[in-house]
Protein backbone atom coordinates (compact mmCIF):
# COMPACT_ATOMS: atom_id res chain seq x y z
CA MET A 1 -31.39 19.73 -260.03
CA LEU A 2 -31.99 17.14 -257.28
CA PRO A 3 -31.51 14.18 -259.75
CA VAL A 4 -28.11 15.46 -260.73
CA VAL A 5 -27.22 15.99 -257.02
CA TYR A 6 -28.35 12.42 -256.39
CA ALA A 7 -26.44 10.87 -259.18
CA GLY A 8 -23.26 12.66 -258.20
CA TRP A 9 -23.48 11.59 -254.62
CA ARG A 10 -24.14 7.95 -255.70
CA MET A 11 -21.18 8.14 -258.16
CA ALA A 12 -18.84 9.45 -255.68
CA ASP A 13 -19.82 6.59 -253.33
CA LEU A 14 -19.23 4.17 -256.13
CA LEU A 15 -15.83 5.53 -257.02
CA GLY A 16 -14.64 5.34 -253.49
CA PHE A 17 -14.91 8.99 -252.53
CA SER A 18 -17.68 8.20 -249.99
CA VAL A 19 -18.12 10.14 -246.74
CA ARG A 20 -18.33 6.83 -244.97
CA SER A 21 -15.29 4.59 -244.62
CA GLN A 22 -16.59 2.11 -247.28
CA PRO A 23 -17.80 2.61 -250.81
CA THR A 24 -21.49 1.91 -251.39
CA PRO A 25 -22.07 -0.90 -253.92
CA GLY A 26 -24.01 0.06 -256.98
CA ASP A 27 -24.34 -0.07 -260.76
CA ILE A 28 -23.36 2.98 -262.84
CA ALA A 29 -26.26 2.22 -265.31
CA GLU A 30 -28.79 2.25 -262.46
CA ILE A 31 -27.33 5.37 -260.92
CA ALA A 32 -27.33 7.27 -264.26
CA GLU A 33 -30.96 6.47 -265.02
CA VAL A 34 -31.91 9.75 -263.41
CA LEU A 35 -29.81 11.76 -265.85
CA PRO A 36 -30.83 13.01 -269.42
CA ASP A 37 -30.06 10.49 -272.12
CA LYS A 38 -27.09 12.18 -273.62
CA VAL A 39 -25.42 12.78 -270.28
CA ARG A 40 -26.22 9.24 -269.10
CA GLN A 41 -24.44 7.78 -272.29
CA ARG A 42 -21.49 10.02 -271.68
CA ILE A 43 -21.10 9.05 -268.02
CA ILE A 44 -21.39 5.34 -268.64
CA GLY A 45 -18.86 5.55 -271.56
CA GLU A 46 -16.33 7.50 -269.68
CA PHE A 47 -16.83 5.86 -266.24
CA ASP A 48 -13.79 3.71 -266.27
CA GLY A 49 -11.47 6.80 -266.34
CA LEU A 50 -13.49 8.81 -264.04
CA PRO A 51 -11.84 7.73 -260.80
CA ASN A 52 -8.42 9.03 -262.00
CA ASP A 53 -9.84 12.24 -263.25
CA VAL A 54 -11.74 12.97 -259.96
CA ALA A 55 -8.57 12.10 -257.87
CA PHE A 56 -6.45 14.38 -260.02
CA ARG A 57 -8.82 17.35 -259.67
CA ILE A 58 -9.17 16.87 -256.00
CA ASN A 59 -5.35 16.71 -255.54
CA ALA A 60 -4.99 19.81 -257.67
CA ILE A 61 -7.35 21.81 -255.64
CA GLU A 62 -5.73 20.64 -252.32
CA CYS A 63 -2.36 21.56 -253.76
CA SER A 64 -3.54 24.96 -254.68
CA LEU A 65 -4.56 25.67 -251.01
CA MET A 66 -1.04 25.24 -249.74
C-alpha cells in the first residue's frame, strides 16, 4: 500500500496539486516504477490527460459541498 500512496503523492506534486506552492520536478516513468507493471503502463499512457481529469473531479467534489 505504501508504494501506491508514494506514487500518488509524487504524481500530485508533478501535476501541480502540491501542498507546497511550487510543483516538485520529476519524471512520471521514475515515479511509476513502484507500481505493478499493468498499472504503470496505464498511468504512463494516460498521464497527459490526467491533470484535467483530476481538476474536474476535485471541482465536482467542491461543488457538491455547496
